[in-house]
Every structure is written in C-alpha cells, then in structure tokens.
Amino acid sequence: MQTPQSQIQPKTRERGIAPMLSVALMFFTFGPVGLPLDGSIAHLVNARGPNPGPGIEQANEFATQATRNFFIANFPDL
C-alpha cells in the first residue's frame, strides 16, 4: 500500500523558505530602524554641547581636596 503525499517526510537537505526569508528581511529591517536610532542619540548628545559641564571643575576641586585631607590625616610626615 502506498503512503499519501502528506505523510512523506522531507529530505534532510530540504529547507523551508521561511527561515531564509526571515533572515533576508531582518537585514532590510534592522538597518532602516537602527540608523534613525543612532542619529537621534547622536543628536541628543550633540544638543548638550561640546562643554563637559560646569560641575566638572567643582568635582575636580572636591576630589583634590579630599585627597589632600586623606594624605594629611593618614600620612602626616609627608
């Protein structure tokens, strides 16, 4: 007795088109979605300006003073 066509198993080398099509479409989807995201992040970073901000100098002064206080307290002979 012959088996119906619906019960025949595909050969191991046969693959469906869905995985190949999905990978191909991901290439065309991630590029157009990723580039505007990168551009918007770059715009937000650039909108802040090239200056590091007014708090950097104050943070450096505070760190320098804290370091001096630490060495004066722990190594008074230096």
Protein backbone atom coordinates (compact mmCIF):
# COMPACT_ATOMS: atom_id res chain seq x y z
CA MET A 1 0.00 0.00 0.00
CA GLN A 2 1.32 3.43 -0.89
CA THR A 3 1.55 6.28 1.63
CA PRO A 4 -0.24 9.54 0.89
CA GLN A 5 1.87 12.53 -0.14
CA SER A 6 1.13 14.41 3.12
CA GLN A 7 2.91 11.74 5.18
CA ILE A 8 6.17 11.74 3.19
CA GLN A 9 9.00 13.21 5.24
CA PRO A 10 11.15 15.90 3.57
CA LYS A 11 14.77 15.08 2.86
CA THR A 12 17.35 16.39 5.30
CA ARG A 13 18.76 18.88 2.79
CA GLU A 14 15.38 20.38 2.04
CA ARG A 15 14.72 23.53 4.00
CA GLY A 16 11.78 25.86 4.01
CA ILE A 17 11.88 29.33 2.60
CA ALA A 18 10.60 30.95 5.81
CA PRO A 19 13.95 31.00 7.71
CA MET A 20 15.85 32.29 4.69
CA LEU A 21 13.24 34.94 4.01
CA SER A 22 13.23 35.99 7.67
CA VAL A 23 16.99 36.48 7.71
CA ALA A 24 16.88 38.44 4.47
CA LEU A 25 14.10 40.69 5.75
CA MET A 26 15.91 41.26 9.06
CA PHE A 27 18.80 42.75 7.11
CA PHE A 28 16.46 45.23 5.45
CA THR A 29 14.57 45.94 8.70
CA PHE A 30 17.37 46.47 11.22
CA GLY A 31 19.24 48.93 9.03
CA PRO A 32 16.42 51.41 8.50
CA VAL A 33 15.37 51.10 12.14
CA GLY A 34 18.88 51.25 13.62
CA LEU A 35 20.17 54.23 11.69
CA PRO A 36 17.49 56.67 12.90
CA LEU A 37 18.05 55.46 16.47
CA ASP A 38 21.79 56.13 16.18
CA GLY A 39 21.08 59.50 14.62
CA SER A 40 18.70 60.52 17.38
CA ILE A 41 21.17 59.51 20.08
CA ALA A 42 23.91 61.49 18.33
CA HIS A 43 21.58 64.48 18.12
CA LEU A 44 20.78 64.29 21.83
CA VAL A 45 24.45 64.06 22.75
CA ASN A 46 25.31 66.94 20.44
CA ALA A 47 22.45 69.06 21.82
CA ARG A 48 24.15 69.13 25.19
CA GLY A 49 27.06 70.96 23.62
CA PRO A 50 30.76 70.29 23.50
CA ASN A 51 31.33 71.51 27.07
CA PRO A 52 31.68 68.83 29.73
CA GLY A 53 29.50 70.90 32.04
CA PRO A 54 30.07 73.37 34.87
CA GLY A 55 30.22 70.64 37.52
CA ILE A 56 33.45 69.08 36.27
CA GLU A 57 35.70 71.78 37.72
CA GLN A 58 33.91 71.60 41.06
CA ALA A 59 34.20 67.81 41.11
CA ASN A 60 37.93 68.04 40.39
CA GLU A 61 38.44 70.57 43.18
CA PHE A 62 36.47 68.42 45.62
CA ALA A 63 38.45 65.28 44.68
CA THR A 64 41.75 67.12 45.02
CA GLN A 65 40.79 68.48 48.44
CA ALA A 66 39.55 65.06 49.61
CA THR A 67 42.84 63.50 48.50
CA ARG A 68 44.86 66.14 50.36
CA ASN A 69 42.77 65.64 53.51
CA PHE A 70 43.25 61.87 53.29
CA PHE A 71 47.03 62.12 52.98
CA ILE A 72 47.30 64.74 55.72
CA ALA A 73 45.23 62.58 58.08
CA ASN A 74 46.96 59.27 57.30
CA PHE A 75 50.50 60.33 56.43
CA PRO A 76 51.27 63.46 58.48
CA ASP A 77 55.04 63.16 57.97
CA LEU A 78 54.93 63.69 54.22
